[in-house]
Amino acid sequence: MDGATPPEGAPKERSSPAVARPVRRRVNLALQGGGTHGAFTWGALDRLLEEEDLDFDGLSGTSAGAINGAIFALGLLEDGRAGAKAALERFWRALGSKFAVSPFRSTPVEKALWGWDLSYNIGWNAFETVTRMLSPYQINPFPMEFNPLRKALDESLDLARLRGDKNAIRLFISATNVRTGKPKVFTRPEITVDALLASACLPNVFRAVEIDGEAYWDGGYLGNPALWPLYHDRLASDIVLVQLNPLLRPELPTTTGDIMNRLNEISFNASLMSEMRAIDFVQRMLDAGRLEQPRYRRLFLHIIEDETRMRAFKLSTKFNGDWDFLQTLRDYGREAADRFLRERGGRIGKESTLDIQRYL
């Protein structure tokens, strides 16, 4: 009889053991810019997508980081993790195929002698000389600027869907307002191909991108990437930075190319270092009880980087779209992300694993 008490001595029914649900880890992603060095970020994202318990709340990106971020977000929306992995590979593979006929492509002899550095390539040397003497407005004076990246983005991204779907992750793309000198952050409903091109607009290479009557240059000057959009209280407390530009370079640059390279690294890390200082100050005030939550948030910072390897690449390699080179960077990024997950991934949600003192 249902509900009756079993007779004394009868074997008790065993209850099914409770199945423990895996604890999910929520993170925001911050993706630096760096030209084709963004293939490193591709590899890092590819590895992070394989962590089934890792959820992505928001993403802030600049330049190549902005493009990777938009592809990542759209791929997730279309077909989940597999869709994001496939979309990233399609884009970078297409870029590599376009470079197969580029004047910057090094010959096998040049590769053997100089590795991936384009400084010894005739096409690169001509390009570098021209861009130092003439502005993009003189080189490309036509009303519709020739920009192969625009065509690649038009062909590979359905940004209308990304803008209109509220289920997409929060996305923040940084650019620099030329007139005001202030950062401009485009949110997901505002993201267009023009916004992505603005975020990646190096002023010595491309004409400023105009959006709603304002001209924009590369976002890296004021936010590479911008972290402050990720402070929102509805977003995860953990921010994972994928860094492309080396912070430390022990040797003194003495050649023109090396000096320009180091200036590029310093200028594109400056805004990030300033934000790190501000975050460190707030966290120390929280620790001392001088600031109160929830008005001020506790943030946990993490980093995926490989400074040792990335220091080996000079400025010219940020324009190198050779498929073999892109694959090498992708593998470096995967290895760096895998190392982060193995060594520090278990501390997500608990504490910072980035040594902020390096940025002070």
Protein backbone atom coordinates (compact mmCIF):
# COMPACT_ATOMS: atom_id res chain seq x y z
CA MET A 1 0.00 0.00 0.00
CA ASP A 2 1.36 3.35 -1.00
CA GLY A 3 2.75 5.33 1.92
CA ALA A 4 2.62 2.27 4.29
CA THR A 5 5.43 1.75 6.78
CA PRO A 6 7.64 -1.19 5.70
CA PRO A 7 7.67 -4.18 8.10
CA GLU A 8 10.37 -4.23 10.75
CA GLY A 9 13.60 -5.76 9.49
CA ALA A 10 12.75 -5.24 5.85
CA PRO A 11 15.68 -3.92 3.76
CA LYS A 12 15.61 -0.17 3.34
CA GLU A 13 15.51 1.30 -0.11
CA ARG A 14 18.70 3.05 -1.08
CA SER A 15 18.26 6.63 -2.16
CA SER A 16 20.02 7.67 -5.35
CA PRO A 17 23.18 9.62 -4.61
CA ALA A 18 22.91 13.28 -5.41
CA VAL A 19 24.79 14.21 -8.53
CA ALA A 20 27.06 17.18 -7.83
CA ARG A 21 26.69 19.90 -10.38
CA PRO A 22 29.96 21.40 -11.58
CA VAL A 23 30.64 24.87 -10.26
CA ARG A 24 30.51 27.29 -13.16
CA ARG A 25 33.11 30.01 -13.55
CA ARG A 26 32.04 33.38 -14.96
CA VAL A 27 34.56 35.74 -16.53
CA ASN A 28 34.83 38.87 -18.62
CA LEU A 29 37.37 39.01 -21.41
CA ALA A 30 39.64 41.97 -22.20
CA LEU A 31 41.39 41.67 -25.56
CA GLN A 32 44.34 43.86 -26.58
CA GLY A 33 45.00 45.09 -30.10
CA GLY A 34 48.17 44.39 -32.06
CA GLY A 35 47.55 43.91 -35.77
CA THR A 36 47.99 40.35 -36.97
CA HIS A 37 49.41 39.48 -33.55
CA GLY A 38 45.70 39.13 -32.81
CA ALA A 39 46.12 35.53 -34.01
CA PHE A 40 47.61 34.92 -30.55
CA THR A 41 44.25 35.99 -29.10
CA TRP A 42 42.49 33.66 -31.54
CA GLY A 43 44.46 30.77 -30.06
CA ALA A 44 43.73 31.86 -26.48
CA LEU A 45 40.00 32.11 -27.15
CA ASP A 46 40.03 28.78 -28.95
CA ARG A 47 41.43 27.12 -25.81
CA LEU A 48 39.10 28.97 -23.40
CA LEU A 49 36.08 27.81 -25.41
CA GLU A 50 37.00 24.21 -24.60
CA GLU A 51 36.35 24.81 -20.87
CA GLU A 52 32.70 23.71 -20.60
CA ASP A 53 32.27 25.20 -17.12
CA LEU A 54 33.55 28.63 -18.19
CA ASP A 55 30.88 31.21 -18.98
CA PHE A 56 31.52 34.55 -20.68
CA ASP A 57 29.65 37.61 -19.40
CA GLY A 58 31.21 40.57 -21.18
CA LEU A 59 34.00 41.32 -23.60
CA SER A 60 35.99 44.51 -24.13
CA GLY A 61 38.26 44.69 -27.17
CA THR A 62 40.37 47.11 -29.13
CA SER A 63 41.61 46.91 -32.73
CA ALA A 64 42.40 43.24 -33.44
CA GLY A 65 40.86 42.50 -30.04
CA ALA A 66 37.66 44.23 -31.16
CA ILE A 67 37.50 42.14 -34.34
CA ASN A 68 38.23 38.92 -32.46
CA GLY A 69 35.59 39.90 -29.91
CA ALA A 70 32.88 40.55 -32.49
CA ILE A 71 33.61 37.25 -34.26
CA PHE A 72 33.66 35.42 -30.91
CA ALA A 73 30.33 36.93 -29.80
CA LEU A 74 28.60 36.28 -33.12
CA GLY A 75 29.91 32.71 -33.31
CA LEU A 76 28.60 31.98 -29.80
CA LEU A 77 25.23 33.38 -30.78
CA GLU A 78 24.97 31.33 -33.98
CA ASP A 79 26.20 27.93 -32.81
CA GLY A 80 27.56 28.07 -29.28
CA ARG A 81 31.18 27.23 -28.51
CA ALA A 82 31.67 25.23 -31.70
CA GLY A 83 30.33 28.17 -33.68
CA ALA A 84 32.75 30.61 -32.06
CA LYS A 85 35.73 28.32 -32.69
CA ALA A 86 34.73 27.82 -36.34
CA ALA A 87 34.07 31.53 -36.94
CA LEU A 88 37.48 32.57 -35.59
CA GLU A 89 39.27 30.02 -37.72
CA ARG A 90 37.36 31.06 -40.85
CA PHE A 91 38.31 34.68 -40.40
CA TRP A 92 42.01 34.10 -39.76
CA ARG A 93 42.28 31.49 -42.49
CA ALA A 94 40.69 33.93 -44.95
CA LEU A 95 43.16 36.60 -43.88
CA GLY A 96 46.05 34.20 -44.44
CA SER A 97 44.78 33.30 -47.92
CA LYS A 98 44.58 37.00 -48.88
CA PHE A 99 48.16 37.48 -47.75
CA ALA A 100 49.31 34.74 -50.13
CA VAL A 101 49.48 37.37 -52.89
CA SER A 102 50.56 40.30 -50.71
CA PRO A 103 53.69 42.33 -51.59
CA PHE A 104 54.63 41.98 -47.91
CA ARG A 105 54.98 38.22 -48.21
CA SER A 106 58.57 37.20 -47.49
CA THR A 107 60.42 34.83 -49.78
CA PRO A 108 61.59 31.46 -48.39
CA VAL A 109 65.16 32.83 -48.32
CA GLU A 110 64.10 35.87 -46.29
CA LYS A 111 62.21 33.64 -43.88
CA ALA A 112 65.24 31.45 -43.41
CA LEU A 113 67.50 34.45 -42.76
CA TRP A 114 65.25 36.75 -40.75
CA GLY A 115 62.39 34.62 -39.47
CA TRP A 116 59.05 36.44 -39.42
CA ASP A 117 60.44 39.98 -39.43
CA LEU A 118 59.26 41.92 -42.50
CA SER A 119 61.94 44.60 -42.16
CA TYR A 120 63.96 42.95 -44.94
CA ASN A 121 61.00 42.62 -47.31
CA ILE A 122 61.02 44.98 -50.31
CA GLY A 123 57.25 45.52 -50.21
CA TRP A 124 57.30 46.33 -46.50
CA ASN A 125 60.23 48.74 -46.84
CA ALA A 126 58.46 50.63 -49.62
CA PHE A 127 55.24 50.78 -47.60
CA GLU A 128 57.03 52.01 -44.45
CA THR A 129 58.89 54.71 -46.39
CA VAL A 130 55.74 55.99 -48.10
CA THR A 131 53.68 56.10 -44.87
CA ARG A 132 56.40 58.16 -43.17
CA MET A 133 56.42 60.71 -45.99
CA LEU A 134 52.76 60.88 -46.99
CA SER A 135 49.53 60.76 -45.01
CA PRO A 136 46.70 58.32 -45.83
CA TYR A 137 44.78 61.29 -47.27
CA GLN A 138 47.56 61.78 -49.84
CA ILE A 139 48.13 58.10 -50.53
CA ASN A 140 44.45 57.22 -50.82
CA PRO A 141 42.56 60.40 -51.69
CA PHE A 142 39.46 58.80 -53.18
CA PRO A 143 36.05 59.37 -51.56
CA MET A 144 35.74 55.65 -50.84
CA GLU A 145 38.98 54.59 -49.19
CA PHE A 146 40.42 51.26 -50.28
CA ASN A 147 40.50 49.08 -47.17
CA PRO A 148 40.65 45.30 -47.66
CA LEU A 149 39.72 44.76 -44.00
CA ARG A 150 36.32 46.35 -44.64
CA LYS A 151 35.54 43.79 -47.32
CA ALA A 152 36.69 40.90 -45.12
CA LEU A 153 34.44 42.06 -42.26
CA ASP A 154 31.48 42.71 -44.55
CA GLU A 155 31.78 39.18 -45.92
CA SER A 156 32.29 37.35 -42.62
CA LEU A 157 30.14 39.12 -39.99
CA ASP A 158 26.36 39.42 -39.71
CA LEU A 159 26.56 42.38 -37.34
CA ALA A 160 22.85 43.17 -37.71
CA ARG A 161 22.07 39.91 -35.95
CA LEU A 162 24.65 40.62 -33.25
CA ARG A 163 23.20 44.08 -32.63
CA GLY A 164 19.62 42.86 -32.45
CA ASP A 165 19.87 39.73 -30.31
CA LYS A 166 19.68 40.43 -26.58
CA ASN A 167 21.03 36.95 -25.83
CA ALA A 168 24.48 37.91 -27.15
CA ILE A 169 27.18 38.60 -24.60
CA ARG A 170 27.82 42.22 -23.66
CA LEU A 171 30.38 43.67 -26.05
CA PHE A 172 32.41 46.87 -25.75
CA ILE A 173 34.60 48.18 -28.59
CA SER A 174 37.05 51.06 -28.00
CA ALA A 175 38.04 53.83 -30.40
CA THR A 176 39.66 57.27 -29.99
CA ASN A 177 37.70 60.42 -30.84
CA VAL A 178 40.09 62.55 -32.90
CA ARG A 179 38.35 65.85 -32.14
CA THR A 180 37.94 65.50 -28.37
CA GLY A 181 40.86 63.19 -27.60
CA LYS A 182 38.50 61.09 -25.48
CA PRO A 183 37.77 57.37 -25.63
CA LYS A 184 34.61 56.19 -27.32
CA VAL A 185 33.18 52.82 -26.36
CA PHE A 186 30.68 51.28 -28.77
CA THR A 187 28.30 48.87 -27.07
CA ARG A 188 26.83 45.81 -28.75
CA PRO A 189 23.73 47.59 -30.20
CA GLU A 190 26.06 50.19 -31.77
CA ILE A 191 28.60 47.87 -33.35
CA THR A 192 28.98 48.16 -37.10
CA VAL A 193 31.79 47.45 -39.52
CA ASP A 194 32.68 51.15 -39.26
CA ALA A 195 32.98 50.86 -35.47
CA LEU A 196 35.37 47.89 -35.83
CA LEU A 197 37.40 49.74 -38.46
CA ALA A 198 37.53 52.81 -36.22
CA SER A 199 38.89 50.71 -33.38
CA ALA A 200 41.65 49.43 -35.69
CA CYS A 201 42.41 52.72 -37.50
CA LEU A 202 46.13 53.45 -37.32
CA PRO A 203 46.31 57.12 -38.39
CA ASN A 204 49.52 56.75 -40.39
CA VAL A 205 48.00 53.91 -42.43
CA PHE A 206 44.26 54.64 -42.72
CA ARG A 207 42.11 57.72 -43.01
CA ALA A 208 40.06 58.42 -39.88
CA VAL A 209 36.74 56.55 -39.78
CA GLU A 210 33.76 58.90 -39.56
CA ILE A 211 30.69 57.82 -37.59
CA ASP A 212 27.77 60.21 -36.98
CA GLY A 213 29.91 63.21 -37.85
CA GLU A 214 32.84 62.28 -35.57
CA ALA A 215 36.24 61.02 -36.72
CA TYR A 216 37.90 58.11 -34.93
CA TRP A 217 41.35 56.57 -34.72
CA ASP A 218 42.65 53.35 -33.17
CA GLY A 219 41.23 52.71 -29.70
CA GLY A 220 44.61 51.57 -28.39
CA TYR A 221 45.70 55.13 -27.65
CA LEU A 222 43.17 55.48 -24.82
CA GLY A 223 42.08 51.95 -24.01
CA ASN A 224 43.97 48.82 -25.02
CA PRO A 225 41.60 47.44 -24.01
CA ALA A 226 39.29 49.58 -21.86
CA LEU A 227 38.57 47.76 -18.60
CA TRP A 228 36.12 50.21 -17.06
CA PRO A 229 33.08 49.03 -19.09
CA LEU A 230 33.54 45.65 -17.37
CA TYR A 231 33.08 47.11 -13.87
CA HIS A 232 29.29 46.94 -14.24
CA ASP A 233 27.63 45.25 -11.27
CA ARG A 234 25.74 42.75 -13.43
CA LEU A 235 28.95 41.43 -14.95
CA ALA A 236 31.30 38.84 -13.48
CA SER A 237 33.92 39.96 -10.96
CA ASP A 238 36.73 38.25 -12.90
CA ILE A 239 38.47 39.91 -15.86
CA VAL A 240 40.81 37.84 -18.02
CA LEU A 241 43.18 40.02 -20.06
CA VAL A 242 44.76 38.62 -23.22
CA GLN A 243 47.92 40.70 -23.62
CA LEU A 244 49.78 41.09 -26.92
CA ASN A 245 52.13 44.03 -26.32
CA PRO A 246 55.08 43.16 -24.07
CA LEU A 247 55.32 45.28 -20.96
CA LEU A 248 59.01 44.63 -20.32
CA ARG A 249 61.80 44.80 -22.91
CA PRO A 250 65.24 44.58 -21.23
CA GLU A 251 67.39 45.63 -24.19
CA LEU A 252 67.82 49.27 -25.20
CA PRO A 253 66.41 49.91 -28.71
CA THR A 254 69.00 51.63 -30.90
CA THR A 255 67.81 51.21 -34.50
CA THR A 256 64.97 53.28 -35.97
CA GLY A 257 62.76 50.23 -36.31
CA ASP A 258 63.39 49.04 -32.75
CA ILE A 259 62.78 52.52 -31.33
CA MET A 260 59.45 52.80 -33.18
CA ASN A 261 58.51 49.34 -32.00
CA ARG A 262 59.19 50.19 -28.36
CA LEU A 263 57.32 53.49 -28.63
CA ASN A 264 54.38 51.58 -30.06
CA GLU A 265 54.43 49.10 -27.17
CA ILE A 266 54.69 51.81 -24.51
CA SER A 267 51.93 53.99 -25.97
CA PHE A 268 49.56 51.05 -26.43
CA ASN A 269 50.16 49.82 -22.86
CA ALA A 270 49.93 53.25 -21.18
CA SER A 271 46.15 53.39 -20.77
CA LEU A 272 46.03 49.81 -19.52
CA MET A 273 48.69 50.57 -16.91
CA SER A 274 46.69 53.59 -15.71
CA GLU A 275 43.58 51.48 -15.25
CA MET A 276 45.58 48.84 -13.42
CA ARG A 277 46.80 51.49 -10.98
CA ALA A 278 43.24 52.66 -10.36
CA ILE A 279 41.99 49.11 -9.80
CA ASP A 280 44.85 48.38 -7.42
CA PHE A 281 44.08 51.54 -5.42
CA VAL A 282 40.39 50.63 -5.04
CA GLN A 283 41.18 47.04 -4.04
CA ARG A 284 43.62 48.23 -1.38
CA MET A 285 41.04 50.68 -0.03
CA LEU A 286 38.50 47.84 0.16
CA ASP A 287 41.02 45.69 2.03
CA ALA A 288 41.61 48.51 4.50
CA GLY A 289 37.88 49.01 5.04
CA ARG A 290 37.99 52.56 3.74
CA LEU A 291 35.57 51.86 0.89
CA GLU A 292 32.32 49.95 1.10
CA GLN A 293 30.73 47.40 -1.17
CA PRO A 294 28.55 47.28 -3.26
CA ARG A 295 29.28 50.86 -4.25
CA TYR A 296 32.86 49.77 -4.96
CA ARG A 297 33.29 46.30 -6.44
CA ARG A 298 35.81 43.63 -5.68
CA LEU A 299 37.50 42.68 -8.96
CA PHE A 300 39.73 39.71 -9.70
CA LEU A 301 42.24 40.23 -12.51
CA HIS A 302 43.95 37.51 -14.54
CA ILE A 303 46.22 37.54 -17.57
CA ILE A 304 47.02 35.28 -20.52
CA GLU A 305 50.35 36.28 -22.03
CA ASP A 306 53.67 35.01 -23.34
CA GLU A 307 55.97 38.01 -23.14
CA THR A 308 59.09 35.96 -23.80
CA ARG A 309 57.87 34.84 -27.21
CA MET A 310 56.05 38.04 -28.14
CA ARG A 311 59.15 40.15 -27.42
CA ALA A 312 60.87 38.37 -30.28
CA PHE A 313 58.52 40.01 -32.81
CA LYS A 314 59.16 43.49 -34.16
CA LEU A 315 56.66 46.13 -35.23
CA SER A 316 56.65 45.00 -38.86
CA THR A 317 55.33 41.56 -37.89
CA LYS A 318 52.03 43.15 -36.80
CA PHE A 319 51.38 43.52 -40.55
CA ASN A 320 52.45 39.96 -41.37
CA GLY A 321 49.48 37.87 -42.49
CA ASP A 322 51.46 34.85 -43.65
CA TRP A 323 49.35 31.77 -42.81
CA ASP A 324 52.28 29.91 -41.26
CA PHE A 325 52.97 32.91 -39.04
CA LEU A 326 49.32 33.21 -38.01
CA GLN A 327 49.25 29.53 -37.09
CA THR A 328 52.40 29.95 -35.01
CA LEU A 329 50.80 32.81 -33.08
CA ARG A 330 47.60 30.82 -32.66
CA ASP A 331 49.57 27.94 -31.14
CA TYR A 332 51.38 30.35 -28.80
CA GLY A 333 48.02 31.71 -27.67
CA ARG A 334 46.56 28.25 -27.07
CA GLU A 335 49.59 27.23 -25.05
CA ALA A 336 49.46 30.41 -22.96
CA ALA A 337 45.73 29.95 -22.24
CA ASP A 338 46.25 26.30 -21.38
CA ARG A 339 49.05 27.26 -18.98
CA PHE A 340 46.80 29.86 -17.34
CA LEU A 341 43.97 27.37 -16.90
CA ARG A 342 46.22 24.67 -15.44
CA GLU A 343 48.15 26.93 -13.08
CA ARG A 344 45.63 29.61 -12.11
CA GLY A 345 42.21 28.72 -13.50
CA GLY A 346 41.11 27.21 -10.18
CA ARG A 347 41.42 30.62 -8.53
CA ILE A 348 38.85 32.27 -10.78
CA GLY A 349 36.11 33.73 -8.57
CA LYS A 350 38.34 33.65 -5.50
CA GLU A 351 41.28 35.99 -6.00
CA SER A 352 43.37 37.86 -8.55
CA THR A 353 46.22 35.99 -10.19
CA LEU A 354 47.67 38.96 -12.09
CA ASP A 355 50.63 40.66 -10.42
CA ILE A 356 49.47 44.28 -10.59
CA GLN A 357 52.82 45.48 -9.22
CA ARG A 358 54.25 44.88 -12.71
CA TYR A 359 52.01 47.71 -13.95
CA LEU A 360 52.82 50.23 -11.22
